[in-house]
Amino acid sequence: MKFNNLEVHRRYASVNIYKSYVQGEKKTFFLYCHGSKEVKNIIILVHGISRNYKEMLLAFSSYCDERTLMIAPYFSADYCSDYQRLGRKNKGPRVDYILKSMVNKMKEKLGFDTQKINLFGFSAGAQFAHRYAYAHPEDIEKVALVSAGWYTLPTYNEAYPLGLALADEFADIKFEIARILPIKFKLYVGADDDQRDKALNKNKKVDVTLGENRIERAANWKNSMNERFNKYHINNHIDLIKLNNVGYSFDEAVSKTTIVENVMNWFNEVK
């Protein structure tokens, strides 16, 4: 498989590039992979700060059957610099609505009405994925999070993006804990991802509240979510899955583990 001409050579899938114009002038790009039958499963792959959307699509494309639409957005660093926090007021475009427009464009183009999406995010993409799910739970089927740098806790005692308390970041979002808690999550982190590398948010409040590395932060977010499930008597649970011999690296996670196969099997499970 190669991407020099944006092609994936598979039996059922093709990859194309589209331009999506935002506010009449700015643009972003995305790739999609689909087959010849009616679409039943929408999967969104959200890149980290390295913008590794091509690598993500390549890793997942061999598991994309003829009834799956797979979208790998590209959120540029200059235009969508706040994408992992959805695009707060005065910090760039609303990236959650850019994603919605991509999905709607494909629904119109391909002629299907599948409503809910599955989200996979790595690093900053995992930050975007769970915050998108918080903001738009009606859109979500399942969410897989890998190596998020930090998380939004399910509490109104902390201001967004560390918690759910909103000031004027968004004019049209209200985080509702009762709608958030039924969302199904899978949570992954590299077993060796305990370093404070340059990509990690080192804000003191984040350190104190969530921990000083990605393993600690994933564990604390998981525990906080599970506590809320119990408190509100929600039949849900999150496990933290540690990827052996993996640090902070998407390529390591793909090459050394079966994470892609496991996530895709989970996305394809019938309720």
Protein backbone atom coordinates (compact mmCIF):
# COMPACT_ATOMS: atom_id res chain seq x y z
CA MET A 1 0.00 0.00 0.00
CA LYS A 2 1.19 3.51 -0.72
CA PHE A 3 0.01 7.05 -0.22
CA ASN A 4 2.14 9.03 -2.67
CA ASN A 5 -0.94 9.30 -4.89
CA LEU A 6 -3.47 8.88 -2.09
CA GLU A 7 -4.44 5.38 -3.11
CA VAL A 8 -4.96 2.24 -1.07
CA HIS A 9 -4.86 -0.93 -3.13
CA ARG A 10 -7.56 -3.17 -1.68
CA ARG A 11 -10.27 -5.35 -3.05
CA TYR A 12 -13.22 -3.40 -1.70
CA ALA A 13 -11.92 -0.02 -0.67
CA SER A 14 -10.91 3.15 -2.38
CA VAL A 15 -9.46 6.28 -0.85
CA ASN A 16 -10.25 9.75 -2.06
CA ILE A 17 -9.44 13.26 -0.99
CA TYR A 18 -12.05 15.97 -0.63
CA LYS A 19 -11.94 19.65 0.14
CA SER A 20 -14.42 20.84 2.73
CA TYR A 21 -14.88 24.61 2.78
CA VAL A 22 -15.57 26.20 6.12
CA GLN A 23 -17.11 29.64 6.50
CA GLY A 24 -16.80 30.11 2.74
CA GLU A 25 -13.03 30.31 2.57
CA LYS A 26 -10.99 28.09 4.86
CA LYS A 27 -10.59 24.43 4.02
CA THR A 28 -9.66 21.13 5.51
CA PHE A 29 -9.11 17.73 3.96
CA PHE A 30 -10.29 14.24 4.70
CA LEU A 31 -10.00 10.77 3.26
CA TYR A 32 -12.67 8.14 3.10
CA CYS A 33 -12.62 4.44 2.52
CA HIS A 34 -15.76 2.57 1.51
CA GLY A 35 -17.02 -0.37 -0.44
CA SER A 36 -19.83 -1.12 -2.79
CA LYS A 37 -22.66 -2.01 -0.43
CA GLU A 38 -24.93 0.01 1.82
CA VAL A 39 -22.98 1.80 4.57
CA LYS A 40 -23.80 0.49 8.05
CA ASN A 41 -20.75 1.57 10.04
CA ILE A 42 -19.10 5.01 10.19
CA ILE A 43 -15.62 5.13 11.71
CA ILE A 44 -13.73 8.38 12.31
CA LEU A 45 -9.95 8.21 12.85
CA VAL A 46 -8.64 11.35 14.56
CA HIS A 47 -4.92 12.11 14.35
CA GLY A 48 -2.55 13.43 17.01
CA ILE A 49 -0.47 16.59 16.83
CA SER A 50 1.84 14.95 14.28
CA ARG A 51 -1.15 14.94 11.89
CA ASN A 52 -0.60 11.24 11.13
CA TYR A 53 -3.98 10.77 9.43
CA LYS A 54 -2.46 8.88 6.48
CA GLU A 55 -0.74 6.35 8.72
CA MET A 56 -3.94 5.84 10.68
CA LEU A 57 -6.00 5.18 7.56
CA LEU A 58 -3.39 2.75 6.25
CA ALA A 59 -3.36 0.86 9.56
CA PHE A 60 -7.14 0.54 9.68
CA SER A 61 -8.03 0.23 5.98
CA SER A 62 -7.45 -3.52 5.73
CA TYR A 63 -10.21 -3.99 8.31
CA CYS A 64 -12.63 -1.75 6.43
CA ASP A 65 -15.26 -3.94 4.81
CA GLU A 66 -17.66 -3.03 2.04
CA ARG A 67 -20.29 -1.65 4.43
CA THR A 68 -17.93 0.67 6.32
CA LEU A 69 -17.27 4.34 5.73
CA MET A 70 -13.93 5.37 7.22
CA ILE A 71 -12.99 9.03 7.50
CA ALA A 72 -9.56 10.32 8.53
CA PRO A 73 -9.83 14.10 8.93
CA TYR A 74 -6.90 16.46 8.63
CA PHE A 75 -7.09 19.34 11.10
CA SER A 76 -4.28 21.70 10.12
CA ALA A 77 -2.02 23.20 12.80
CA ASP A 78 -2.46 26.76 11.55
CA TYR A 79 -6.24 26.71 11.15
CA CYS A 80 -7.45 24.11 13.67
CA SER A 81 -4.89 24.64 16.43
CA ASP A 82 -7.50 24.13 19.17
CA TYR A 83 -9.04 21.02 17.60
CA GLN A 84 -8.40 18.73 20.57
CA ARG A 85 -10.55 21.07 22.69
CA LEU A 86 -13.21 21.36 19.94
CA GLY A 87 -12.35 24.93 18.94
CA ARG A 88 -13.14 27.28 21.79
CA LYS A 89 -14.33 30.86 21.44
CA ASN A 90 -11.67 33.08 19.80
CA LYS A 91 -9.36 30.07 19.32
CA GLY A 92 -10.24 29.00 15.81
CA PRO A 93 -13.14 27.24 14.10
CA ARG A 94 -15.55 24.83 15.74
CA VAL A 95 -13.87 21.58 14.79
CA ASP A 96 -16.76 19.45 16.02
CA TYR A 97 -18.91 21.07 13.33
CA ILE A 98 -16.21 20.60 10.71
CA LEU A 99 -16.39 16.88 11.46
CA LYS A 100 -20.18 16.91 11.34
CA SER A 101 -20.06 18.58 7.92
CA MET A 102 -17.66 15.90 6.64
CA VAL A 103 -19.98 13.10 7.74
CA ASN A 104 -23.04 14.84 6.32
CA LYS A 105 -21.27 15.41 3.01
CA MET A 106 -20.49 11.71 2.72
CA LYS A 107 -24.03 10.75 3.68
CA GLU A 108 -25.34 12.97 0.90
CA LYS A 109 -22.76 11.78 -1.63
CA LEU A 110 -23.17 8.07 -0.93
CA GLY A 111 -26.88 8.14 -0.15
CA PHE A 112 -27.16 6.49 3.27
CA ASP A 113 -28.79 7.45 6.55
CA THR A 114 -26.68 5.70 9.18
CA GLN A 115 -26.77 8.07 12.15
CA LYS A 116 -24.21 7.16 14.81
CA ILE A 117 -20.43 7.13 14.44
CA ASN A 118 -17.54 5.28 16.06
CA LEU A 119 -14.57 7.44 17.05
CA PHE A 120 -10.92 6.38 17.33
CA GLY A 121 -8.42 8.95 18.55
CA PHE A 122 -4.70 8.85 19.24
CA SER A 123 -3.02 11.38 21.56
CA ALA A 124 -4.57 14.80 20.85
CA GLY A 125 -7.05 12.93 18.67
CA ALA A 126 -8.16 10.99 21.75
CA GLN A 127 -8.65 14.30 23.52
CA PHE A 128 -10.87 15.48 20.68
CA ALA A 129 -12.73 12.16 20.55
CA HIS A 130 -13.91 12.06 24.16
CA ARG A 131 -14.73 15.78 24.21
CA TYR A 132 -16.71 15.42 20.99
CA ALA A 133 -18.58 12.53 22.59
CA TYR A 134 -19.31 14.66 25.66
CA ALA A 135 -20.64 17.48 23.49
CA HIS A 136 -22.58 15.35 20.99
CA PRO A 137 -23.53 12.05 22.66
CA GLU A 138 -26.44 11.66 20.25
CA ASP A 139 -23.89 11.14 17.44
CA ILE A 140 -21.88 8.44 19.16
CA GLU A 141 -21.90 4.65 19.08
CA LYS A 142 -18.49 3.88 20.63
CA VAL A 143 -15.22 5.70 21.35
CA ALA A 144 -11.70 4.22 21.50
CA LEU A 145 -9.06 6.43 23.15
CA VAL A 146 -5.31 5.79 22.83
CA SER A 147 -2.53 7.70 24.61
CA ALA A 148 -4.48 10.86 25.38
CA GLY A 149 -2.26 13.53 26.90
CA TRP A 150 -5.01 14.50 29.35
CA TYR A 151 -8.74 14.29 29.83
CA THR A 152 -11.89 16.21 30.66
CA LEU A 153 -13.17 14.81 33.96
CA PRO A 154 -16.90 14.10 34.39
CA THR A 155 -17.32 16.78 37.06
CA TYR A 156 -18.71 20.29 37.18
CA ASN A 157 -16.21 21.21 39.91
CA GLU A 158 -13.52 21.94 37.31
CA ALA A 159 -13.65 24.42 34.45
CA TYR A 160 -13.52 23.13 30.90
CA PRO A 161 -11.41 21.60 29.43
CA LEU A 162 -10.28 19.94 32.69
CA GLY A 163 -13.90 19.53 33.78
CA LEU A 164 -17.43 20.08 32.49
CA ALA A 165 -18.04 23.59 33.85
CA LEU A 166 -18.42 25.94 30.90
CA ALA A 167 -18.06 29.71 30.92
CA ASP A 168 -18.43 31.20 27.42
CA GLU A 169 -16.26 28.76 25.46
CA PHE A 170 -19.24 27.62 23.39
CA ALA A 171 -22.56 29.28 22.68
CA ASP A 172 -24.45 26.08 21.93
CA ILE A 173 -22.97 23.24 24.00
CA LYS A 174 -24.16 22.07 27.39
CA PHE A 175 -22.41 19.07 28.90
CA GLU A 176 -25.04 16.83 30.49
CA ILE A 177 -23.68 14.07 32.72
CA ALA A 178 -26.79 11.92 32.28
CA ARG A 179 -26.25 11.85 28.51
CA ILE A 180 -22.48 11.37 28.75
CA LEU A 181 -22.39 8.35 31.05
CA PRO A 182 -24.09 5.81 28.72
CA ILE A 183 -21.34 6.29 26.08
CA LYS A 184 -19.19 3.19 25.55
CA PHE A 185 -15.43 3.80 25.79
CA LYS A 186 -12.32 1.69 25.33
CA LEU A 187 -9.17 3.14 26.89
CA TYR A 188 -5.59 2.31 25.90
CA VAL A 189 -2.14 3.54 26.90
CA GLY A 190 1.37 2.26 26.26
CA ALA A 191 2.73 0.31 29.23
CA ASP A 192 6.01 2.24 28.80
CA ASP A 193 4.36 5.64 28.35
CA ASP A 194 5.43 7.05 31.70
CA GLN A 195 7.71 9.82 30.44
CA ARG A 196 7.10 13.57 30.54
CA ASP A 197 7.96 14.12 26.88
CA LYS A 198 7.71 17.44 25.05
CA ALA A 199 4.22 16.66 23.71
CA LEU A 200 2.74 16.20 27.19
CA ASN A 201 0.68 18.97 28.79
CA LYS A 202 2.68 19.89 31.91
CA ASN A 203 0.20 22.34 33.40
CA LYS A 204 0.49 22.16 37.22
CA LYS A 205 -3.23 21.79 37.77
CA VAL A 206 -3.40 18.96 35.25
CA ASP A 207 -0.45 17.28 37.01
CA VAL A 208 -2.11 17.55 40.42
CA THR A 209 -5.59 16.57 39.25
CA LEU A 210 -4.84 13.83 36.73
CA GLY A 211 -1.22 12.74 37.29
CA GLU A 212 2.18 13.41 35.80
CA ASN A 213 2.18 11.04 32.83
CA ARG A 214 -0.25 9.42 30.40
CA ILE A 215 -0.58 6.20 32.39
CA GLU A 216 -1.53 8.01 35.58
CA ARG A 217 -3.90 10.33 33.75
CA ALA A 218 -5.67 7.50 31.95
CA ALA A 219 -6.08 5.61 35.23
CA ASN A 220 -7.47 8.65 37.04
CA TRP A 221 -9.93 9.45 34.25
CA LYS A 222 -11.06 5.81 34.16
CA ASN A 223 -11.58 5.78 37.92
CA SER A 224 -13.51 9.04 37.82
CA MET A 225 -15.79 7.77 35.05
CA ASN A 226 -16.39 4.44 36.81
CA GLU A 227 -17.24 6.27 40.04
CA ARG A 228 -19.87 8.28 38.14
CA PHE A 229 -21.33 5.12 36.61
CA ASN A 230 -21.79 3.68 40.08
CA LYS A 231 -23.13 6.90 41.56
CA TYR A 232 -25.78 7.28 38.87
CA HIS A 233 -26.49 3.53 38.59
CA ILE A 234 -25.42 3.42 34.95
CA ASN A 235 -24.66 -0.04 33.54
CA ASN A 236 -21.30 0.90 32.09
CA HIS A 237 -17.63 0.35 32.87
CA ILE A 238 -14.23 1.38 31.49
CA ASP A 239 -11.10 -0.76 31.70
CA LEU A 240 -7.61 0.60 31.14
CA ILE A 241 -5.78 -1.59 28.64
CA LYS A 242 -2.00 -1.26 28.76
CA LEU A 243 -0.12 -2.02 25.56
CA ASN A 244 3.00 -4.04 26.36
CA ASN A 245 6.34 -2.78 25.03
CA VAL A 246 4.71 0.39 23.72
CA GLY A 247 5.61 3.95 24.66
CA TYR A 248 4.08 7.10 23.21
CA SER A 249 3.93 5.91 19.62
CA PHE A 250 1.10 5.07 17.24
CA ASP A 251 3.48 3.07 15.05
CA GLU A 252 4.60 0.96 18.03
CA ALA A 253 1.03 0.34 19.09
CA VAL A 254 0.15 -0.88 15.59
CA SER A 255 3.29 -2.96 14.99
CA LYS A 256 3.65 -4.54 18.44
CA THR A 257 0.03 -5.18 19.41
CA THR A 258 -3.30 -6.20 17.92
CA ILE A 259 -4.97 -2.91 18.87
CA VAL A 260 -6.32 -2.16 15.39
CA GLU A 261 -7.95 -5.57 15.05
CA ASN A 262 -9.32 -5.38 18.60
CA VAL A 263 -10.79 -1.92 18.12
CA MET A 264 -12.35 -2.82 14.78
CA ASN A 265 -13.86 -6.02 16.20
CA TRP A 266 -15.35 -3.94 19.02
CA PHE A 267 -16.72 -1.34 16.61
CA ASN A 268 -18.31 -4.11 14.56
CA GLU A 269 -19.92 -5.92 17.49
CA VAL A 270 -23.69 -6.01 17.34
CA LYS A 271 -25.33 -4.72 20.49
